[in-house]
């Protein structure tokens, strides 16, 4: 695989991770004291988990691509 292509894909995945992290921070900045209804708190939890799934997938892609480009 072309190293330049691999670097671009890895950079794109890092950007995805950074974007998802910003989204999680924004969700967590919402007031989450006990005044929120339980359903809203559950919804926030689900959204955070969805963003974490995207981060995990991006990390897995980076690792896999690094192994393909530079097998040890």
C-alpha atoms as a PDB file:
ATOM      1  CA  UNK A   1       0.000   0.000   0.000  1.00  0.00           C
ATOM      2  CA  UNK A   2       1.197   3.465  -0.793  1.00  0.00           C
ATOM      3  CA  UNK A   3       2.550   5.108   2.367  1.00  0.00           C
ATOM      4  CA  UNK A   4       1.135   8.495   1.389  1.00  0.00           C
ATOM      5  CA  UNK A   5      -2.338   7.015   1.044  1.00  0.00           C
ATOM      6  CA  UNK A   6      -1.972   5.247   4.383  1.00  0.00           C
ATOM      7  CA  UNK A   7      -0.877   8.463   6.083  1.00  0.00           C
ATOM      8  CA  UNK A   8      -3.873  10.318   4.663  1.00  0.00           C
ATOM      9  CA  UNK A   9      -6.283   7.643   5.845  1.00  0.00           C
ATOM     10  CA  UNK A  10      -4.697   7.629   9.306  1.00  0.00           C
ATOM     11  CA  UNK A  11      -4.905  11.420   9.492  1.00  0.00           C
ATOM     12  CA  UNK A  12      -8.555  11.257   8.511  1.00  0.00           C
ATOM     13  CA  UNK A  13      -9.217   8.723  11.252  1.00  0.00           C
ATOM     14  CA  UNK A  14      -7.428  10.944  13.792  1.00  0.00           C
ATOM     15  CA  UNK A  15      -9.635  13.839  12.698  1.00  0.00           C
ATOM     16  CA  UNK A  16     -12.677  11.625  13.227  1.00  0.00           C
ATOM     17  CA  UNK A  17     -11.457  10.829  16.740  1.00  0.00           C
ATOM     18  CA  UNK A  18     -10.920  14.525  17.512  1.00  0.00           C
ATOM     19  CA  UNK A  19     -14.392  15.432  16.188  1.00  0.00           C
ATOM     20  CA  UNK A  20     -16.059  12.704  18.227  1.00  0.00           C
ATOM     21  CA  UNK A  21     -14.162  13.745  21.348  1.00  0.00           C
ATOM     22  CA  UNK A  22     -15.435  17.310  20.890  1.00  0.00           C
ATOM     23  CA  UNK A  23     -18.982  15.991  20.530  1.00  0.00           C
ATOM     24  CA  UNK A  24     -18.633  13.983  23.744  1.00  0.00           C
ATOM     25  CA  UNK A  25     -17.306  17.020  25.600  1.00  0.00           C
ATOM     26  CA  UNK A  26     -20.265  19.066  24.358  1.00  0.00           C
ATOM     27  CA  UNK A  27     -22.730  16.393  25.511  1.00  0.00           C
ATOM     28  CA  UNK A  28     -21.049  16.131  28.909  1.00  0.00           C
ATOM     29  CA  UNK A  29     -21.159  19.899  29.341  1.00  0.00           C
ATOM     30  CA  UNK A  30     -24.959  19.752  29.407  1.00  0.00           C
ATOM     31  CA  UNK A  31     -26.255  20.248  32.898  1.00  0.00           C
ATOM     32  CA  UNK A  32     -26.613  16.735  34.284  1.00  0.00           C
ATOM     33  CA  UNK A  33     -27.730  17.354  37.833  1.00  0.00           C
ATOM     34  CA  UNK A  34     -30.661  15.499  39.339  1.00  0.00           C
ATOM     35  CA  UNK A  35     -33.155  17.977  37.905  1.00  0.00           C
ATOM     36  CA  UNK A  36     -33.080  16.261  34.502  1.00  0.00           C
ATOM     37  CA  UNK A  37     -35.665  13.590  33.779  1.00  0.00           C
ATOM     38  CA  UNK A  38     -34.274  10.069  33.845  1.00  0.00           C
ATOM     39  CA  UNK A  39     -35.125   9.525  30.167  1.00  0.00           C
ATOM     40  CA  UNK A  40     -32.987  12.519  29.154  1.00  0.00           C
ATOM     41  CA  UNK A  41     -30.056  11.270  31.211  1.00  0.00           C
ATOM     42  CA  UNK A  42     -30.403   7.844  29.582  1.00  0.00           C
ATOM     43  CA  UNK A  43     -30.484   9.499  26.152  1.00  0.00           C
ATOM     44  CA  UNK A  44     -27.259  11.371  26.916  1.00  0.00           C
ATOM     45  CA  UNK A  45     -25.641   8.121  28.014  1.00  0.00           C
ATOM     46  CA  UNK A  46     -26.639   6.411  24.772  1.00  0.00           C
ATOM     47  CA  UNK A  47     -25.276   9.300  22.692  1.00  0.00           C
ATOM     48  CA  UNK A  48     -21.929   9.224  24.522  1.00  0.00           C
ATOM     49  CA  UNK A  49     -21.692   5.473  23.932  1.00  0.00           C
ATOM     50  CA  UNK A  50     -22.398   5.967  20.228  1.00  0.00           C
ATOM     51  CA  UNK A  51     -19.602   8.510  19.954  1.00  0.00           C
ATOM     52  CA  UNK A  52     -17.262   6.153  21.822  1.00  0.00           C
ATOM     53  CA  UNK A  53     -18.096   3.395  19.321  1.00  0.00           C
ATOM     54  CA  UNK A  54     -17.050   5.686  16.463  1.00  0.00           C
ATOM     55  CA  UNK A  55     -13.769   6.445  18.265  1.00  0.00           C
ATOM     56  CA  UNK A  56     -13.085   2.751  18.855  1.00  0.00           C
ATOM     57  CA  UNK A  57     -13.719   1.944  15.189  1.00  0.00           C
ATOM     58  CA  UNK A  58     -11.374   4.736  14.081  1.00  0.00           C
ATOM     59  CA  UNK A  59      -8.661   3.507  16.453  1.00  0.00           C
ATOM     60  CA  UNK A  60      -9.042  -0.048  15.175  1.00  0.00           C
ATOM     61  CA  UNK A  61      -8.726   1.162  11.586  1.00  0.00           C
ATOM     62  CA  UNK A  62      -5.544   3.050  12.426  1.00  0.00           C
ATOM     63  CA  UNK A  63      -3.974   0.023  14.091  1.00  0.00           C
ATOM     64  CA  UNK A  64      -4.967  -2.292  11.262  1.00  0.00           C
ATOM     65  CA  UNK A  65      -3.649   0.070   8.612  1.00  0.00           C
ATOM     66  CA  UNK A  66      -0.372   0.497  10.488  1.00  0.00           C
ATOM     67  CA  UNK A  67       0.011  -3.278  10.639  1.00  0.00           C
ATOM     68  CA  UNK A  68      -0.646  -3.577   6.909  1.00  0.00           C
ATOM     69  CA  UNK A  69       1.789  -0.823   5.969  1.00  0.00           C
ATOM     70  CA  UNK A  70       4.535  -1.779   8.416  1.00  0.00           C
ATOM     71  CA  UNK A  71       4.266  -5.465   9.274  1.00  0.00           C
ATOM     72  CA  UNK A  72       6.775  -6.406  11.974  1.00  0.00           C
END
